[in-house]
N, C-alpha and C. Protein backbone atom coordinates (compact mmCIF):
# COMPACT_ATOMS: atom_id res chain seq x y z
N MET A 1 111.26 117.73 113.42
CA MET A 1 111.73 117.92 111.94
C MET A 1 111.91 116.90 111.38
N SER A 2 111.71 116.68 110.13
CA SER A 2 111.99 115.80 109.40
C SER A 2 113.21 115.93 108.55
N ASP A 3 113.61 114.36 108.14
CA ASP A 3 114.78 114.20 107.44
C ASP A 3 114.84 114.66 106.12
N LEU A 4 113.65 114.34 105.35
CA LEU A 4 113.39 115.21 103.99
C LEU A 4 112.40 115.30 103.90
N LYS A 5 111.76 116.67 103.28
CA LYS A 5 110.38 116.85 102.78
C LYS A 5 110.53 117.72 101.33
N PHE A 6 109.59 117.05 100.58
CA PHE A 6 109.42 117.29 99.30
C PHE A 6 107.89 117.99 98.99
N GLU A 7 107.89 119.05 98.55
CA GLU A 7 106.52 119.50 98.43
C GLU A 7 106.17 120.25 97.15
N GLN A 8 105.40 119.96 96.53
CA GLN A 8 104.74 120.46 94.77
C GLN A 8 103.55 120.82 94.90
N LYS A 9 103.15 122.15 94.41
CA LYS A 9 101.90 122.71 94.34
C LYS A 9 101.45 122.97 93.07
N ARG A 10 100.73 122.47 92.38
CA ARG A 10 100.72 122.94 90.96
C ARG A 10 99.01 122.64 90.53
N SER A 11 98.69 123.10 89.61
CA SER A 11 97.43 123.15 89.03
C SER A 11 97.75 121.97 87.97
N LEU A 12 96.74 121.07 87.91
CA LEU A 12 96.67 119.97 86.83
C LEU A 12 95.49 119.65 86.43
N SER A 13 95.23 119.41 84.97
CA SER A 13 94.17 119.13 84.24
C SER A 13 93.81 117.52 85.11
N ARG A 14 92.33 117.21 84.85
CA ARG A 14 92.13 115.70 85.20
C ARG A 14 92.73 114.62 84.65
N HIS A 15 93.47 114.59 83.62
CA HIS A 15 94.16 113.67 82.97
C HIS A 15 95.74 113.67 83.49
N GLU A 16 96.20 115.00 84.00
CA GLU A 16 97.35 114.84 84.35
C GLU A 16 97.44 114.35 85.81
N ALA A 17 96.55 114.54 86.53
CA ALA A 17 96.02 113.90 87.95
C ALA A 17 96.08 112.48 87.59
N ALA A 18 95.39 111.82 86.84
CA ALA A 18 95.37 110.62 86.39
C ALA A 18 96.68 110.11 86.16
N ASP A 19 97.43 110.78 85.52
CA ASP A 19 98.74 110.33 84.76
C ASP A 19 99.72 110.08 86.29
N LEU A 20 99.68 111.27 87.13
CA LEU A 20 100.45 111.12 88.60
C LEU A 20 100.15 109.86 89.47
N LEU A 21 98.81 109.99 89.16
CA LEU A 21 98.31 108.62 90.32
C LEU A 21 98.73 107.23 89.60
N THR A 22 98.60 107.38 88.33
CA THR A 22 98.94 106.07 87.42
C THR A 22 100.16 105.56 87.85
N ALA A 23 101.23 106.78 87.76
CA ALA A 23 102.55 106.60 87.97
C ALA A 23 103.21 106.29 89.36
N LEU A 24 102.34 106.88 90.43
CA LEU A 24 102.57 106.41 91.70
C LEU A 24 102.21 104.67 91.76
N ALA A 25 101.00 104.58 91.29
CA ALA A 25 100.52 103.19 91.60
C ALA A 25 101.66 102.13 90.87
N GLY A 26 102.03 102.49 89.27
CA GLY A 26 103.15 101.67 89.27
C GLY A 26 104.22 101.45 89.95
N ALA A 27 104.59 102.55 90.68
CA ALA A 27 105.91 102.58 91.59
C ALA A 27 105.42 101.74 92.97
N LEU A 28 104.28 101.89 93.49
CA LEU A 28 103.82 100.84 94.35
C LEU A 28 103.66 99.60 94.25
N ARG A 29 103.24 99.18 93.23
CA ARG A 29 103.18 97.91 92.35
C ARG A 29 104.06 97.18 92.15
N GLU A 30 105.26 97.90 91.72
CA GLU A 30 106.65 97.49 91.63
C GLU A 30 107.38 97.22 92.84
N GLY A 31 107.51 98.17 93.78
CA GLY A 31 107.77 97.92 94.93
C GLY A 31 109.67 98.21 95.02
N GLY A 32 110.43 97.74 95.90
CA GLY A 32 111.84 97.73 95.74
C GLY A 32 112.26 99.15 95.68
N ARG A 33 113.12 99.63 94.82
CA ARG A 33 113.51 101.30 94.58
C ARG A 33 112.54 101.43 93.51
N ALA A 34 111.71 102.58 93.68
CA ALA A 34 110.83 103.03 92.88
C ALA A 34 111.37 104.49 92.57
N GLU A 35 111.13 104.85 91.17
CA GLU A 35 111.49 106.16 90.56
C GLU A 35 110.14 106.82 90.14
N LEU A 36 109.83 108.28 90.78
CA LEU A 36 108.70 108.82 90.34
C LEU A 36 108.94 110.03 89.78
N ASP A 37 108.34 110.36 88.68
CA ASP A 37 108.77 111.52 87.94
C ASP A 37 107.87 112.53 88.14
N LEU A 38 108.15 113.82 89.01
CA LEU A 38 107.50 114.68 89.32
C LEU A 38 107.27 115.92 88.37
N GLY A 39 107.93 115.59 87.33
CA GLY A 39 107.91 117.07 86.43
C GLY A 39 109.19 117.89 86.48
N SER A 40 109.64 118.24 87.80
CA SER A 40 110.42 119.30 88.21
C SER A 40 111.98 118.23 88.59
N GLY A 41 111.72 117.08 88.76
CA GLY A 41 112.65 116.03 89.22
C GLY A 41 112.18 114.54 89.14
N VAL A 42 113.07 113.73 89.54
CA VAL A 42 112.89 112.49 89.83
C VAL A 42 113.04 112.06 91.16
N LEU A 43 111.78 111.45 91.87
CA LEU A 43 111.95 111.23 93.28
C LEU A 43 112.21 109.48 93.45
N GLY A 44 113.18 109.28 93.98
CA GLY A 44 113.69 107.72 93.96
C GLY A 44 113.31 107.41 95.69
N LEU A 45 112.15 106.34 95.80
CA LEU A 45 112.04 105.85 96.76
C LEU A 45 112.10 104.30 97.01
N ARG A 46 112.41 103.82 98.12
CA ARG A 46 112.11 102.43 98.36
C ARG A 46 110.99 102.09 99.06
N VAL A 47 110.52 101.19 98.22
CA VAL A 47 109.00 100.80 98.75
C VAL A 47 108.98 99.42 99.18
N PRO A 48 108.45 99.20 100.45
CA PRO A 48 108.51 98.06 100.97
C PRO A 48 107.20 97.08 100.62
N ASP A 49 107.23 95.88 100.85
CA ASP A 49 106.23 94.80 100.56
C ASP A 49 104.72 95.51 101.39
N ARG A 50 104.92 95.52 102.60
CA ARG A 50 103.91 96.11 103.36
C ARG A 50 104.05 97.52 103.78
N LEU A 51 102.86 98.39 103.81
CA LEU A 51 103.03 99.80 104.25
C LEU A 51 101.48 100.38 104.89
N HIS A 52 101.35 101.45 105.45
CA HIS A 52 100.27 101.66 106.06
C HIS A 52 99.50 102.84 105.27
N GLY A 53 98.29 102.66 104.94
CA GLY A 53 97.70 103.62 104.33
C GLY A 53 96.39 104.38 105.00
N GLU A 54 96.17 105.59 104.68
CA GLU A 54 94.79 106.46 105.12
C GLU A 54 94.71 107.14 104.04
N ILE A 55 93.19 107.47 103.94
CA ILE A 55 92.45 108.32 102.96
C ILE A 55 91.69 109.34 103.99
N GLU A 56 92.02 110.44 103.81
CA GLU A 56 91.08 111.75 104.16
C GLU A 56 90.42 112.36 103.47
N VAL A 57 88.98 112.64 103.46
CA VAL A 57 88.53 113.54 102.69
C VAL A 57 87.53 114.63 103.38
N GLU A 58 87.80 115.86 103.38
CA GLU A 58 87.58 117.03 103.87
C GLU A 58 86.39 117.84 103.06
N VAL A 59 85.30 118.30 103.45
CA VAL A 59 84.35 119.13 102.68
C VAL A 59 84.01 120.45 103.41
N GLU A 60 84.79 121.43 102.79
CA GLU A 60 84.82 122.60 103.80
C GLU A 60 84.75 124.01 102.66
N ASP A 61 84.27 125.05 102.89
CA ASP A 61 84.10 126.33 102.45
C ASP A 61 84.19 125.77 100.59
N GLY A 62 83.21 125.18 100.30
CA GLY A 62 83.09 124.72 98.81
C GLY A 62 83.96 123.84 98.23
N LYS A 63 84.97 123.26 99.06
CA LYS A 63 86.07 122.66 98.18
C LYS A 63 86.31 121.47 98.67
N ILE A 64 86.40 120.48 98.18
CA ILE A 64 86.79 118.87 98.64
C ILE A 64 88.34 118.92 98.49
N GLU A 65 88.59 118.29 99.48
CA GLU A 65 90.23 117.93 99.78
C GLU A 65 90.26 116.37 100.01
N LEU A 66 90.83 115.67 99.30
CA LEU A 66 91.11 114.34 99.15
C LEU A 66 92.68 114.20 99.51
N GLU A 67 93.14 113.67 100.75
CA GLU A 67 94.38 113.14 100.93
C GLU A 67 94.61 111.98 100.97
N ILE A 68 95.78 111.25 100.26
CA ILE A 68 96.04 109.72 100.53
C ILE A 68 97.44 109.42 100.98
N GLU A 69 97.53 109.14 102.07
CA GLU A 69 98.94 108.97 102.69
C GLU A 69 99.32 107.49 102.98
N PHE A 70 100.62 107.22 102.70
CA PHE A 70 101.20 106.01 102.67
C PHE A 70 102.52 106.25 103.50
N THR A 71 102.56 105.58 104.67
CA THR A 71 103.87 105.31 105.36
C THR A 71 104.52 104.11 105.65
N TRP A 72 105.73 104.26 105.87
CA TRP A 72 106.54 102.85 106.07
C TRP A 72 107.69 103.46 106.54
N PRO A 73 108.53 102.42 107.59
CA PRO A 73 109.80 102.61 107.96
C PRO A 73 111.01 102.93 106.79
N ILE A 74 111.50 103.29 107.65
CA ILE A 74 112.95 103.79 106.45
C ILE A 74 113.86 102.86 106.57
N THR A 75 114.22 102.06 107.57
CA THR A 75 115.06 100.77 107.49
C THR A 75 114.34 99.62 106.96
N PRO A 76 115.14 98.81 105.92
CA PRO A 76 114.46 97.84 105.42
C PRO A 76 114.36 96.61 106.16
N ASN A 77 114.76 96.45 107.61
CA ASN A 77 114.45 95.32 108.58
C ASN A 77 113.45 95.38 109.10
N GLU A 78 112.70 96.97 109.29
CA GLU A 78 111.52 96.84 110.22
C GLU A 78 110.06 96.72 109.27
N THR A 79 109.13 96.38 109.72
CA THR A 79 107.79 96.08 109.27
C THR A 79 106.91 97.20 109.53
N ALA A 80 106.12 97.40 108.53
CA ALA A 80 105.33 98.46 108.86
C ALA A 80 103.90 97.96 109.78
N ALA A 81 103.48 98.96 110.43
CA ALA A 81 102.73 98.65 111.60
C ALA A 81 101.52 98.06 110.92
N ALA A 82 100.87 96.84 111.44
CA ALA A 82 99.88 96.00 110.91
C ALA A 82 98.69 97.11 110.75
N PRO A 83 97.93 96.59 109.86
CA PRO A 83 96.68 97.31 109.07
C PRO A 83 95.79 97.43 110.03
N ARG A 84 95.17 98.54 110.14
CA ARG A 84 94.02 98.78 111.57
C ARG A 84 92.51 98.38 110.55
N GLN A 85 91.70 98.00 111.57
CA GLN A 85 90.34 97.98 111.01
C GLN A 85 89.97 99.40 110.66
N PRO A 86 89.37 99.57 109.69
CA PRO A 86 88.64 100.62 108.91
C PRO A 86 87.78 101.05 109.93
N THR A 87 87.43 102.48 110.31
CA THR A 87 86.58 103.09 111.07
C THR A 87 85.85 104.35 110.50
N ALA A 88 84.59 104.48 110.62
CA ALA A 88 83.94 105.68 110.11
C ALA A 88 83.57 106.43 111.24
N THR A 89 84.17 107.44 111.44
CA THR A 89 84.09 108.30 112.44
C THR A 89 83.61 109.74 112.05
N ALA A 90 82.65 110.49 112.29
CA ALA A 90 82.24 111.84 111.80
C ALA A 90 83.53 112.70 112.78
N ARG A 91 83.84 113.61 112.51
CA ARG A 91 84.57 114.86 113.08
C ARG A 91 84.35 115.99 112.69
N LYS A 92 84.60 117.13 113.25
CA LYS A 92 84.35 118.52 112.72
C LYS A 92 86.02 118.95 112.71
N SER A 93 86.22 119.31 111.78
CA SER A 93 87.41 119.81 111.30
C SER A 93 87.78 121.37 111.58
N ALA A 94 88.97 121.58 112.08
CA ALA A 94 89.29 123.00 112.12
C ALA A 94 89.58 123.53 110.93
N PRO A 95 89.01 125.00 110.44
CA PRO A 95 89.13 125.36 109.30
C PRO A 95 90.63 125.12 108.90
N ALA A 96 90.91 125.11 107.67
CA ALA A 96 92.49 124.89 106.82
C ALA A 96 92.96 126.18 107.05
N LYS A 97 94.56 125.98 107.60
CA LYS A 97 95.24 127.12 107.76
C LYS A 97 96.27 127.16 106.39
N SER A 98 95.93 128.36 106.08
CA SER A 98 96.78 128.43 104.91
C SER A 98 98.43 128.45 104.98
N GLY A 99 98.88 128.26 103.90
CA GLY A 99 100.49 127.70 104.05
C GLY A 99 100.80 126.46 105.04
N ARG A 100 99.93 125.74 105.21
CA ARG A 100 100.46 124.71 106.10
C ARG A 100 101.30 123.71 105.51
N GLY A 101 102.38 123.27 106.22
CA GLY A 101 103.16 122.25 105.32
C GLY A 101 102.20 120.98 104.92
N ARG A 102 103.04 120.52 104.09
CA ARG A 102 102.49 118.87 103.40
C ARG A 102 103.87 118.28 103.35
N SER A 103 103.39 116.89 104.07
CA SER A 103 104.51 116.00 103.67
C SER A 103 104.59 115.64 102.33
N THR A 104 106.07 114.85 102.15
CA THR A 104 106.37 114.31 100.89
C THR A 104 104.99 113.44 100.12
N LYS A 105 104.46 112.57 101.10
CA LYS A 105 103.81 111.66 100.74
C LYS A 105 102.32 112.23 100.30
N ARG A 106 101.99 113.31 101.25
CA ARG A 106 100.63 114.10 100.82
C ARG A 106 100.73 115.01 99.73
N ALA A 107 101.92 115.72 99.54
CA ALA A 107 102.03 116.57 98.31
C ALA A 107 102.03 115.49 97.08
N ALA A 108 102.48 114.26 97.02
CA ALA A 108 102.14 113.91 95.61
C ALA A 108 100.78 113.42 95.29
N ALA A 109 100.01 112.98 96.47
CA ALA A 109 98.96 113.14 96.43
C ALA A 109 97.86 114.16 96.26
N LYS A 110 98.39 115.28 96.78
CA LYS A 110 97.81 116.64 96.77
C LYS A 110 97.70 117.10 95.36
N ALA A 111 98.70 116.91 94.81
CA ALA A 111 99.24 117.62 93.41
C ALA A 111 98.09 116.74 92.41
N ALA A 112 97.32 115.57 92.65
CA ALA A 112 96.72 114.80 91.69
C ALA A 112 95.50 115.47 92.04
């Protein structure tokens, strides 16, 4: 169970999605204490200098799903895991389950 979870699902225009990603990129670029306006409220995060990133693309049932995930430790004294070398692997995904939960980091990316 997580300490905090935020999830937002909504339909966006291409321009709204770009604005959301631009705001997220600005918060990541700025670092430190960043605030991200998510429409229904403002999400404040502490963003360290180093973090771990993951991009996942799935094509299934006539839809493309793009997930962008960033993780970092909560405490400021810990450092994020060293970046892994990119690997290209083919994998067969199980069909998506309806109503599956999304974490905060994925929800922001998914809304885009």
